[in-house]
Amino acid sequence: ALGGAVYSNADVNITADNATSLFAGNTANGKSNAIYMDSLKIENTVSDPDGEETTETVEYADKPAVLTLSAVNKGKLIMNDAIDGVKYNLNISGDGTGEVALNNSVTGVKELSFGKNAVLHLGTKADIHTQNMKIEKNATVTRNAVANPTLKIDVDVDRANDKINSGMINVAEDVSGSYSLIINALTPSTLAN
């Protein structure tokens, strides 16, 4: 089984609109997994010369399925479960008042893109693996605008074990665009020293 809550081989849009939407406790094959995005597939019904119908599935490897996570009107979309898939695109969007929070691994992403007012909050266990990261093509971002996508990263300093825990985005190839970065120190004494 793939996708503890959602399995899709087509585009998926999930929006938190003036409310909190929480994905937690979903599993597939004994592992945390809320959403599994498979490659884009379309089923076609074909008739042969004798009128017999068969269904064939066509896979579009060059056109990835898109998972859009959005938070608007002070909404919060919280993903405590992992997201996995095969070369899908992940789009984070919003209106600047809401927040998409990722608190687990996100793997198999071909392209991570942000709307100009998107707010992405990475918890200490967030770990995104993507080929490319960019701002959406239609987003207009100026140098001093408040309309940059915002990345909020939780950082926890464990002095006893000499370790720092934080969310991260691993980009294999290209990063483009301007982003606002907010570091959220979970250990208050970190800022005092």
N, C-alpha and C. Protein backbone atom coordinates (compact mmCIF):
# COMPACT_ATOMS: atom_id res chain seq x y z
N ALA A 1 0.84 -1.18 0.00
CA ALA A 1 0.00 0.00 0.00
C ALA A 1 0.89 1.25 0.00
N LEU A 2 0.43 2.25 -0.70
CA LEU A 2 1.13 3.52 -0.77
C LEU A 2 0.17 4.63 -0.35
N GLY A 3 0.67 5.59 0.42
CA GLY A 3 -0.17 6.71 0.83
C GLY A 3 -1.15 6.33 1.92
N GLY A 4 -0.83 6.63 3.16
CA GLY A 4 -1.71 6.28 4.27
C GLY A 4 -3.04 6.99 4.24
N ALA A 5 -3.09 8.24 3.74
CA ALA A 5 -4.34 8.99 3.65
C ALA A 5 -4.72 9.28 2.21
N VAL A 6 -3.72 9.58 1.37
CA VAL A 6 -3.98 9.94 -0.03
C VAL A 6 -2.97 9.25 -0.93
N TYR A 7 -3.47 8.57 -1.95
CA TYR A 7 -2.63 8.06 -3.04
C TYR A 7 -3.16 8.69 -4.31
N SER A 8 -2.28 9.25 -5.13
CA SER A 8 -2.76 9.86 -6.37
C SER A 8 -1.73 9.74 -7.48
N ASN A 9 -2.24 9.57 -8.70
CA ASN A 9 -1.41 9.63 -9.90
C ASN A 9 -1.89 10.79 -10.78
N ALA A 10 -2.49 11.80 -10.12
CA ALA A 10 -2.95 13.02 -10.79
C ALA A 10 -2.72 14.18 -9.83
N ASP A 11 -3.01 15.40 -10.27
CA ASP A 11 -2.81 16.58 -9.43
C ASP A 11 -3.71 16.54 -8.19
N VAL A 12 -3.17 17.02 -7.05
CA VAL A 12 -3.90 17.08 -5.79
C VAL A 12 -3.73 18.47 -5.20
N ASN A 13 -4.83 19.08 -4.73
CA ASN A 13 -4.81 20.38 -4.05
C ASN A 13 -5.38 20.20 -2.66
N ILE A 14 -4.62 20.62 -1.64
CA ILE A 14 -5.09 20.58 -0.27
C ILE A 14 -4.94 21.98 0.30
N THR A 15 -6.06 22.55 0.78
CA THR A 15 -6.05 23.94 1.27
C THR A 15 -6.64 24.02 2.67
N ALA A 16 -5.96 24.74 3.55
CA ALA A 16 -6.50 25.10 4.85
C ALA A 16 -6.98 26.54 4.72
N ASP A 17 -8.29 26.74 4.78
CA ASP A 17 -8.90 28.05 4.59
C ASP A 17 -9.58 28.47 5.89
N ASN A 18 -8.94 29.38 6.65
CA ASN A 18 -9.47 29.89 7.90
C ASN A 18 -9.74 28.78 8.92
N ALA A 19 -8.94 27.72 8.87
CA ALA A 19 -9.08 26.59 9.79
C ALA A 19 -7.75 25.86 9.84
N THR A 20 -7.65 24.89 10.74
CA THR A 20 -6.45 24.06 10.83
C THR A 20 -6.76 22.69 10.24
N SER A 21 -5.93 22.25 9.31
CA SER A 21 -6.03 20.92 8.73
C SER A 21 -4.78 20.16 9.16
N LEU A 22 -4.97 19.01 9.82
CA LEU A 22 -3.87 18.25 10.38
C LEU A 22 -3.82 16.85 9.78
N PHE A 23 -2.64 16.47 9.29
CA PHE A 23 -2.37 15.10 8.84
C PHE A 23 -1.43 14.49 9.87
N ALA A 24 -1.90 13.51 10.65
CA ALA A 24 -1.08 12.89 11.68
C ALA A 24 -1.55 11.45 11.89
N GLY A 25 -0.60 10.55 12.10
CA GLY A 25 -0.92 9.17 12.40
C GLY A 25 -1.20 8.29 11.20
N ASN A 26 -1.00 8.80 9.99
CA ASN A 26 -1.23 8.00 8.78
C ASN A 26 0.00 7.17 8.46
N THR A 27 -0.20 5.91 8.08
CA THR A 27 0.92 5.03 7.75
C THR A 27 0.62 4.23 6.49
N ALA A 28 1.69 3.82 5.86
CA ALA A 28 1.62 2.88 4.73
C ALA A 28 2.82 1.95 4.88
N ASN A 29 2.56 0.66 4.87
CA ASN A 29 3.61 -0.35 5.05
C ASN A 29 4.41 -0.14 6.33
N GLY A 30 3.71 0.26 7.39
CA GLY A 30 4.35 0.42 8.70
C GLY A 30 5.17 1.68 8.89
N LYS A 31 5.16 2.59 7.90
CA LYS A 31 5.93 3.83 8.00
C LYS A 31 4.99 5.03 7.91
N SER A 32 5.40 6.14 8.54
CA SER A 32 4.64 7.38 8.45
C SER A 32 4.52 7.80 6.99
N ASN A 33 3.28 8.00 6.53
CA ASN A 33 3.07 8.43 5.15
C ASN A 33 1.65 8.92 4.98
N ALA A 34 1.48 10.23 4.83
CA ALA A 34 0.15 10.79 4.61
C ALA A 34 -0.23 10.76 3.15
N ILE A 35 0.73 11.11 2.28
CA ILE A 35 0.42 11.28 0.85
C ILE A 35 1.49 10.59 0.02
N TYR A 36 1.05 9.88 -1.00
CA TYR A 36 1.97 9.30 -1.98
C TYR A 36 1.55 9.80 -3.36
N MET A 37 2.47 10.50 -4.03
CA MET A 37 2.21 11.04 -5.37
C MET A 37 2.94 10.17 -6.40
N ASP A 38 2.17 9.46 -7.20
CA ASP A 38 2.74 8.61 -8.24
C ASP A 38 2.89 9.44 -9.51
N SER A 39 3.57 8.89 -10.50
CA SER A 39 3.71 9.61 -11.77
C SER A 39 2.33 9.75 -12.41
N LEU A 40 2.17 10.80 -13.20
CA LEU A 40 0.90 11.12 -13.84
C LEU A 40 0.50 10.00 -14.79
N LYS A 41 -0.71 9.46 -14.60
CA LYS A 41 -1.20 8.38 -15.44
C LYS A 41 -2.62 8.70 -15.87
N ILE A 42 -2.93 8.39 -17.11
CA ILE A 42 -4.27 8.60 -17.64
C ILE A 42 -4.75 7.29 -18.26
N GLU A 43 -5.99 6.91 -17.93
CA GLU A 43 -6.56 5.69 -18.49
C GLU A 43 -7.37 6.04 -19.73
N ASN A 44 -7.14 5.30 -20.81
CA ASN A 44 -7.86 5.49 -22.06
C ASN A 44 -8.60 4.19 -22.39
N THR A 45 -9.82 4.31 -22.86
CA THR A 45 -10.56 3.14 -23.32
C THR A 45 -10.40 3.08 -24.84
N VAL A 46 -9.95 1.93 -25.32
CA VAL A 46 -9.67 1.75 -26.74
C VAL A 46 -10.54 0.62 -27.28
N SER A 47 -11.12 0.84 -28.46
CA SER A 47 -11.92 -0.21 -29.11
C SER A 47 -11.13 -0.80 -30.26
N ASP A 48 -11.12 -2.14 -30.35
CA ASP A 48 -10.46 -2.78 -31.48
C ASP A 48 -11.46 -2.88 -32.63
N PRO A 49 -11.05 -3.34 -33.83
CA PRO A 49 -11.95 -3.39 -34.98
C PRO A 49 -13.22 -4.24 -34.74
N ASP A 50 -13.17 -5.18 -33.82
CA ASP A 50 -14.34 -6.02 -33.53
C ASP A 50 -15.27 -5.39 -32.50
N GLY A 51 -14.94 -4.19 -32.01
CA GLY A 51 -15.76 -3.49 -31.04
C GLY A 51 -15.45 -3.84 -29.59
N GLU A 52 -14.43 -4.67 -29.38
CA GLU A 52 -14.03 -5.02 -28.01
C GLU A 52 -13.29 -3.83 -27.40
N GLU A 53 -13.71 -3.47 -26.20
CA GLU A 53 -13.07 -2.35 -25.52
C GLU A 53 -12.06 -2.86 -24.51
N THR A 54 -10.91 -2.18 -24.48
CA THR A 54 -9.90 -2.45 -23.46
C THR A 54 -9.45 -1.11 -22.88
N THR A 55 -9.01 -1.16 -21.65
CA THR A 55 -8.52 0.05 -21.00
C THR A 55 -7.00 -0.04 -20.92
N GLU A 56 -6.37 1.02 -21.38
CA GLU A 56 -4.91 1.08 -21.28
C GLU A 56 -4.53 2.30 -20.45
N THR A 57 -3.48 2.14 -19.69
CA THR A 57 -2.98 3.23 -18.86
C THR A 57 -1.73 3.80 -19.49
N VAL A 58 -1.74 5.12 -19.71
CA VAL A 58 -0.60 5.80 -20.30
C VAL A 58 0.07 6.61 -19.21
N GLU A 59 1.38 6.38 -19.02
CA GLU A 59 2.14 7.11 -18.01
C GLU A 59 2.87 8.27 -18.68
N TYR A 60 2.76 9.45 -18.07
CA TYR A 60 3.40 10.65 -18.60
C TYR A 60 4.56 11.03 -17.70
N ALA A 61 5.70 10.40 -17.90
CA ALA A 61 6.88 10.64 -17.05
C ALA A 61 7.40 12.07 -17.23
N ASP A 62 7.17 12.68 -18.40
CA ASP A 62 7.67 14.03 -18.64
C ASP A 62 6.75 15.12 -18.09
N LYS A 63 5.56 14.76 -17.62
CA LYS A 63 4.61 15.72 -17.03
C LYS A 63 4.25 15.23 -15.62
N PRO A 64 5.02 15.68 -14.62
CA PRO A 64 4.80 15.19 -13.26
C PRO A 64 3.45 15.62 -12.69
N ALA A 65 2.91 14.79 -11.81
CA ALA A 65 1.73 15.18 -11.05
C ALA A 65 2.15 16.30 -10.08
N VAL A 66 1.20 17.15 -9.71
CA VAL A 66 1.50 18.29 -8.84
C VAL A 66 0.70 18.17 -7.54
N LEU A 67 1.40 18.28 -6.42
CA LEU A 67 0.78 18.35 -5.10
C LEU A 67 0.87 19.80 -4.65
N THR A 68 -0.28 20.46 -4.47
CA THR A 68 -0.31 21.84 -4.00
C THR A 68 -0.82 21.87 -2.57
N LEU A 69 0.00 22.41 -1.68
CA LEU A 69 -0.37 22.61 -0.29
C LEU A 69 -0.53 24.11 -0.07
N SER A 70 -1.70 24.53 0.41
CA SER A 70 -2.00 25.95 0.51
C SER A 70 -2.64 26.27 1.85
N ALA A 71 -2.32 27.47 2.37
CA ALA A 71 -2.94 27.96 3.60
C ALA A 71 -3.33 29.42 3.37
N VAL A 72 -4.63 29.71 3.52
CA VAL A 72 -5.13 31.06 3.28
C VAL A 72 -6.06 31.48 4.41
N ASN A 73 -6.30 32.78 4.52
CA ASN A 73 -7.22 33.34 5.52
C ASN A 73 -6.89 32.84 6.94
N LYS A 74 -5.61 32.93 7.30
CA LYS A 74 -5.10 32.51 8.61
C LYS A 74 -5.22 31.01 8.85
N GLY A 75 -5.35 30.24 7.80
CA GLY A 75 -5.42 28.79 7.92
C GLY A 75 -4.06 28.18 8.20
N LYS A 76 -4.06 26.98 8.79
CA LYS A 76 -2.82 26.24 9.05
C LYS A 76 -2.99 24.83 8.49
N LEU A 77 -2.08 24.46 7.61
CA LEU A 77 -2.03 23.10 7.08
C LEU A 77 -0.81 22.44 7.70
N ILE A 78 -1.03 21.47 8.59
CA ILE A 78 0.06 20.85 9.34
C ILE A 78 0.23 19.41 8.89
N MET A 79 1.41 19.09 8.40
CA MET A 79 1.75 17.73 7.96
C MET A 79 2.74 17.13 8.94
N ASN A 80 2.23 16.35 9.89
CA ASN A 80 3.12 15.65 10.81
C ASN A 80 3.60 14.34 10.21
N ASP A 81 2.94 13.86 9.17
CA ASP A 81 3.30 12.61 8.49
C ASP A 81 4.20 12.89 7.30
N ALA A 82 4.90 11.86 6.86
CA ALA A 82 5.77 11.96 5.69
C ALA A 82 4.95 12.07 4.41
N ILE A 83 5.58 12.64 3.38
CA ILE A 83 5.02 12.69 2.03
C ILE A 83 6.05 12.04 1.13
N ASP A 84 5.61 11.18 0.22
CA ASP A 84 6.52 10.46 -0.65
C ASP A 84 5.94 10.41 -2.05
N GLY A 85 6.75 9.99 -3.01
CA GLY A 85 6.25 9.86 -4.36
C GLY A 85 7.35 9.64 -5.37
N VAL A 86 6.96 9.73 -6.66
CA VAL A 86 7.87 9.50 -7.77
C VAL A 86 7.89 10.73 -8.66
N LYS A 87 8.95 11.52 -8.59
CA LYS A 87 9.16 12.69 -9.46
C LYS A 87 7.91 13.53 -9.65
N TYR A 88 7.31 13.96 -8.53
CA TYR A 88 6.16 14.84 -8.58
C TYR A 88 6.63 16.25 -8.25
N ASN A 89 5.81 17.24 -8.56
CA ASN A 89 6.12 18.62 -8.20
C ASN A 89 5.33 18.99 -6.95
N LEU A 90 5.97 19.73 -6.05
CA LEU A 90 5.33 20.19 -4.82
C LEU A 90 5.26 21.70 -4.86
N ASN A 91 4.04 22.23 -4.77
CA ASN A 91 3.83 23.68 -4.80
C ASN A 91 3.28 24.12 -3.44
N ILE A 92 3.95 25.09 -2.82
CA ILE A 92 3.48 25.67 -1.57
C ILE A 92 2.92 27.05 -1.89
N SER A 93 1.65 27.28 -1.54
CA SER A 93 1.04 28.57 -1.87
C SER A 93 0.26 29.10 -0.68
N GLY A 94 -0.13 30.36 -0.78
CA GLY A 94 -0.90 30.99 0.28
C GLY A 94 -1.08 32.47 0.02
N ASP A 95 -1.69 33.13 1.00
CA ASP A 95 -1.94 34.57 0.86
C ASP A 95 -1.12 35.41 1.83
N GLY A 96 -0.17 34.79 2.54
CA GLY A 96 0.66 35.51 3.49
C GLY A 96 0.11 35.50 4.90
N THR A 97 -1.16 35.12 5.09
CA THR A 97 -1.75 35.06 6.43
C THR A 97 -1.76 33.65 6.99
N GLY A 98 -1.73 32.65 6.12
CA GLY A 98 -1.76 31.25 6.53
C GLY A 98 -0.37 30.66 6.52
N GLU A 99 -0.28 29.39 6.96
CA GLU A 99 1.02 28.75 7.08
C GLU A 99 0.91 27.25 6.78
N VAL A 100 1.81 26.76 5.94
CA VAL A 100 1.95 25.32 5.70
C VAL A 100 3.11 24.85 6.56
N ALA A 101 2.87 23.87 7.44
CA ALA A 101 3.91 23.35 8.33
C ALA A 101 4.23 21.91 7.97
N LEU A 102 5.51 21.64 7.73
CA LEU A 102 5.97 20.29 7.44
C LEU A 102 6.84 19.83 8.61
N ASN A 103 6.51 18.66 9.17
CA ASN A 103 7.20 18.16 10.35
C ASN A 103 7.76 16.76 10.16
N ASN A 104 7.98 16.36 8.91
CA ASN A 104 8.48 15.02 8.63
C ASN A 104 9.17 15.05 7.27
N SER A 105 9.58 13.91 6.78
CA SER A 105 10.30 13.86 5.51
C SER A 105 9.36 14.05 4.31
N VAL A 106 9.90 14.67 3.27
CA VAL A 106 9.20 14.85 2.00
C VAL A 106 10.19 14.41 0.93
N THR A 107 9.92 13.30 0.26
CA THR A 107 10.87 12.73 -0.68
C THR A 107 10.25 12.53 -2.06
N GLY A 108 11.13 12.40 -3.07
CA GLY A 108 10.70 12.14 -4.44
C GLY A 108 10.28 13.36 -5.22
N VAL A 109 10.56 14.57 -4.69
CA VAL A 109 10.11 15.81 -5.33
C VAL A 109 11.03 16.18 -6.49
N LYS A 110 10.44 16.44 -7.65
CA LYS A 110 11.22 16.90 -8.79
C LYS A 110 11.44 18.41 -8.70
N GLU A 111 10.35 19.15 -8.42
CA GLU A 111 10.47 20.60 -8.33
C GLU A 111 9.63 21.12 -7.17
N LEU A 112 10.28 21.83 -6.25
CA LEU A 112 9.62 22.50 -5.14
C LEU A 112 9.45 23.95 -5.53
N SER A 113 8.20 24.43 -5.58
CA SER A 113 7.97 25.82 -5.98
C SER A 113 7.10 26.52 -4.94
N PHE A 114 7.24 27.83 -4.91
CA PHE A 114 6.54 28.66 -3.93
C PHE A 114 5.77 29.76 -4.62
N GLY A 115 4.54 30.00 -4.18
CA GLY A 115 3.81 31.20 -4.58
C GLY A 115 4.42 32.38 -3.86
N LYS A 116 4.23 33.58 -4.37
CA LYS A 116 4.93 34.74 -3.81
C LYS A 116 4.55 35.06 -2.38
N ASN A 117 3.37 34.66 -1.90
CA ASN A 117 2.96 34.94 -0.52
C ASN A 117 2.95 33.69 0.35
N ALA A 118 3.58 32.63 -0.10
CA ALA A 118 3.58 31.37 0.64
C ALA A 118 4.40 31.49 1.91
N VAL A 119 3.93 30.80 2.96
CA VAL A 119 4.67 30.69 4.21
C VAL A 119 4.84 29.20 4.50
N LEU A 120 6.08 28.74 4.53
CA LEU A 120 6.40 27.35 4.82
C LEU A 120 7.15 27.29 6.13
N HIS A 121 6.63 26.53 7.09
CA HIS A 121 7.23 26.37 8.40
C HIS A 121 7.82 24.97 8.48
N LEU A 122 9.14 24.88 8.65
CA LEU A 122 9.82 23.59 8.74
C LEU A 122 10.09 23.26 10.20
N GLY A 123 9.46 22.19 10.70
CA GLY A 123 9.72 21.72 12.06
C GLY A 123 11.09 21.07 12.12
N THR A 124 11.53 20.72 13.32
CA THR A 124 12.89 20.18 13.49
C THR A 124 13.08 18.84 12.79
N LYS A 125 12.00 18.13 12.49
CA LYS A 125 12.13 16.83 11.80
C LYS A 125 11.80 16.93 10.31
N ALA A 126 11.55 18.13 9.83
CA ALA A 126 11.26 18.31 8.40
C ALA A 126 12.53 18.09 7.59
N ASP A 127 12.41 17.33 6.52
CA ASP A 127 13.57 17.02 5.67
C ASP A 127 13.05 16.84 4.25
N ILE A 128 13.17 17.91 3.45
CA ILE A 128 12.65 17.90 2.09
C ILE A 128 13.78 17.58 1.12
N HIS A 129 13.54 16.62 0.23
CA HIS A 129 14.51 16.28 -0.81
C HIS A 129 13.89 16.61 -2.16
N THR A 130 14.54 17.53 -2.89
CA THR A 130 14.01 17.98 -4.17
C THR A 130 15.15 18.14 -5.18
N GLN A 131 14.78 18.06 -6.44
CA GLN A 131 15.77 18.28 -7.50
C GLN A 131 16.01 19.77 -7.70
N ASN A 132 14.93 20.58 -7.74
CA ASN A 132 15.04 22.02 -7.95
C ASN A 132 14.10 22.76 -7.00
N MET A 133 14.42 24.03 -6.70
CA MET A 133 13.57 24.87 -5.86
C MET A 133 13.47 26.23 -6.51
N LYS A 134 12.22 26.75 -6.63
CA LYS A 134 12.04 28.03 -7.31
C LYS A 134 10.75 28.71 -6.89
N ILE A 135 10.63 29.97 -7.29
CA ILE A 135 9.39 30.72 -7.13
C ILE A 135 8.58 30.49 -8.39
N GLU A 136 7.25 30.36 -8.24
CA GLU A 136 6.38 30.13 -9.40
C GLU A 136 6.65 31.15 -10.50
N LYS A 137 6.51 30.74 -11.74
CA LYS A 137 6.79 31.60 -12.89
C LYS A 137 5.94 32.86 -12.90
N ASN A 138 4.68 32.77 -12.44
CA ASN A 138 3.81 33.94 -12.50
C ASN A 138 3.90 34.82 -11.27
N ALA A 139 4.76 34.47 -10.30
CA ALA A 139 4.91 35.29 -9.10
C ALA A 139 5.88 36.43 -9.36
N THR A 140 5.45 37.64 -9.04
CA THR A 140 6.30 38.81 -9.20
C THR A 140 6.85 39.19 -7.84
N VAL A 141 8.15 39.11 -7.68
CA VAL A 141 8.78 39.43 -6.41
C VAL A 141 9.81 40.52 -6.62
N THR A 142 9.65 41.63 -5.90
CA THR A 142 10.63 42.71 -6.00
C THR A 142 11.59 42.62 -4.83
N ARG A 143 12.71 43.27 -4.94
CA ARG A 143 13.79 43.14 -3.96
C ARG A 143 13.35 43.46 -2.53
N ASN A 144 12.61 44.53 -2.31
CA ASN A 144 12.23 44.93 -0.96
C ASN A 144 10.77 44.64 -0.62
N ALA A 145 10.11 43.82 -1.42
CA ALA A 145 8.70 43.53 -1.19
C ALA A 145 8.52 42.56 -0.03
N VAL A 146 7.35 42.63 0.60
CA VAL A 146 7.02 41.66 1.63
C VAL A 146 6.40 40.41 1.01
N ALA A 147 6.34 40.38 -0.30
CA ALA A 147 5.70 39.28 -1.01
C ALA A 147 6.66 38.15 -1.34
N ASN A 148 7.85 38.14 -0.74
CA ASN A 148 8.74 36.99 -0.92
C ASN A 148 8.14 35.79 -0.21
N PRO A 149 8.33 34.60 -0.75
CA PRO A 149 7.94 33.41 0.02
C PRO A 149 8.76 33.41 1.31
N THR A 150 8.14 32.98 2.40
CA THR A 150 8.80 32.98 3.70
C THR A 150 9.05 31.55 4.16
N LEU A 151 10.28 31.27 4.55
CA LEU A 151 10.65 29.98 5.12
C LEU A 151 10.93 30.19 6.59
N LYS A 152 10.14 29.53 7.45
CA LYS A 152 10.35 29.59 8.91
C LYS A 152 10.96 28.25 9.31
N ILE A 153 12.13 28.30 9.95
CA ILE A 153 12.83 27.06 10.30
C ILE A 153 13.00 26.98 11.81
N ASP A 154 12.47 25.91 12.40
CA ASP A 154 12.66 25.66 13.83
C ASP A 154 14.07 25.14 14.06
N VAL A 155 14.74 25.68 15.08
CA VAL A 155 16.09 25.24 15.44
C VAL A 155 16.10 24.95 16.94
N ASP A 156 16.55 23.77 17.31
CA ASP A 156 16.65 23.36 18.70
C ASP A 156 18.10 23.01 18.99
N VAL A 157 18.70 23.67 19.96
CA VAL A 157 20.09 23.42 20.32
C VAL A 157 20.12 22.51 21.54
N ASP A 158 20.75 21.36 21.38
CA ASP A 158 20.91 20.40 22.48
C ASP A 158 22.36 20.51 22.95
N ARG A 159 22.59 21.40 23.93
CA ARG A 159 23.95 21.65 24.41
C ARG A 159 24.55 20.42 25.08
N ALA A 160 23.73 19.65 25.77
CA ALA A 160 24.23 18.47 26.49
C ALA A 160 24.86 17.46 25.54
N ASN A 161 24.28 17.32 24.34
CA ASN A 161 24.80 16.37 23.36
C ASN A 161 25.55 17.04 22.22
N ASP A 162 25.75 18.37 22.35
CA ASP A 162 26.47 19.14 21.34
C ASP A 162 25.88 18.91 19.95
N LYS A 163 24.54 19.13 19.85
CA LYS A 163 23.84 18.82 18.61
C LYS A 163 22.81 19.91 18.31
N ILE A 164 22.61 20.18 17.03
CA ILE A 164 21.58 21.12 16.58
C ILE A 164 20.57 20.33 15.76
N ASN A 165 19.28 20.51 16.08
CA ASN A 165 18.20 19.88 15.32
C ASN A 165 17.44 20.98 14.60
N SER A 166 17.26 20.79 13.29
CA SER A 166 16.50 21.78 12.54
C SER A 166 15.93 21.15 11.28
N GLY A 167 14.88 21.80 10.75
CA GLY A 167 14.33 21.38 9.48
C GLY A 167 15.31 21.74 8.37
N MET A 168 15.21 21.04 7.24
CA MET A 168 16.12 21.35 6.14
C MET A 168 15.49 21.05 4.79
N ILE A 169 16.02 21.72 3.78
CA ILE A 169 15.63 21.46 2.39
C ILE A 169 16.91 21.08 1.66
N ASN A 170 16.93 19.86 1.10
CA ASN A 170 18.08 19.37 0.33
C ASN A 170 17.76 19.52 -1.15
N VAL A 171 18.51 20.39 -1.84
CA VAL A 171 18.28 20.64 -3.26
C VAL A 171 19.44 20.05 -4.05
N ALA A 172 19.15 19.14 -4.96
CA ALA A 172 20.19 18.45 -5.73
C ALA A 172 20.77 19.31 -6.85
N GLU A 173 19.95 20.19 -7.44
CA GLU A 173 20.44 20.95 -8.60
C GLU A 173 20.31 22.46 -8.40
N ASP A 174 19.22 23.09 -8.83
CA ASP A 174 19.13 24.54 -8.89
C ASP A 174 18.18 25.14 -7.86
N VAL A 175 18.59 26.32 -7.33
CA VAL A 175 17.74 27.15 -6.48
C VAL A 175 17.65 28.50 -7.15
N SER A 176 16.42 29.01 -7.31
CA SER A 176 16.27 30.34 -7.90
C SER A 176 15.21 31.11 -7.14
N GLY A 177 15.33 32.43 -7.13
CA GLY A 177 14.36 33.29 -6.47
C GLY A 177 14.88 33.88 -5.18
N SER A 178 14.10 34.82 -4.61
CA SER A 178 14.42 35.46 -3.34
C SER A 178 13.45 34.96 -2.29
N TYR A 179 13.97 34.64 -1.11
CA TYR A 179 13.16 34.09 -0.04
C TYR A 179 13.43 34.86 1.25
N SER A 180 12.41 35.01 2.08
CA SER A 180 12.60 35.55 3.42
C SER A 180 12.79 34.36 4.35
N LEU A 181 13.77 34.44 5.25
CA LEU A 181 14.10 33.33 6.14
C LEU A 181 13.93 33.78 7.57
N ILE A 182 13.16 33.00 8.35
CA ILE A 182 12.96 33.28 9.76
C ILE A 182 13.45 32.07 10.54
N ILE A 183 14.38 32.29 11.46
CA ILE A 183 14.89 31.22 12.32
C ILE A 183 14.11 31.28 13.63
N ASN A 184 13.46 30.20 13.98
CA ASN A 184 12.67 30.11 15.21
C ASN A 184 13.46 29.29 16.23
N ALA A 185 14.13 29.97 17.17
CA ALA A 185 14.95 29.29 18.18
C ALA A 185 14.04 28.67 19.24
N LEU A 186 13.99 27.35 19.29
CA LEU A 186 13.15 26.65 20.26
C LEU A 186 13.78 26.58 21.63
N THR A 187 15.10 26.82 21.67
CA THR A 187 15.82 26.83 22.93
C THR A 187 16.12 28.28 23.28
N PRO A 188 15.32 28.91 24.19
CA PRO A 188 15.47 30.34 24.46
C PRO A 188 16.88 30.77 24.85
N SER A 189 17.61 29.92 25.55
CA SER A 189 18.97 30.31 25.98
C SER A 189 19.94 30.43 24.82
N THR A 190 19.57 29.91 23.64
CA THR A 190 20.44 30.00 22.47
C THR A 190 20.70 31.44 22.09
N LEU A 191 19.67 32.27 22.16
CA LEU A 191 19.80 33.68 21.77
C LEU A 191 20.48 34.50 22.85
N ALA A 192 20.47 34.03 24.09
CA ALA A 192 21.05 34.80 25.19
C ALA A 192 22.57 34.73 25.21
N ASN A 193 23.17 33.75 24.56
CA ASN A 193 24.63 33.58 24.61
C ASN A 193 25.29 34.08 23.37
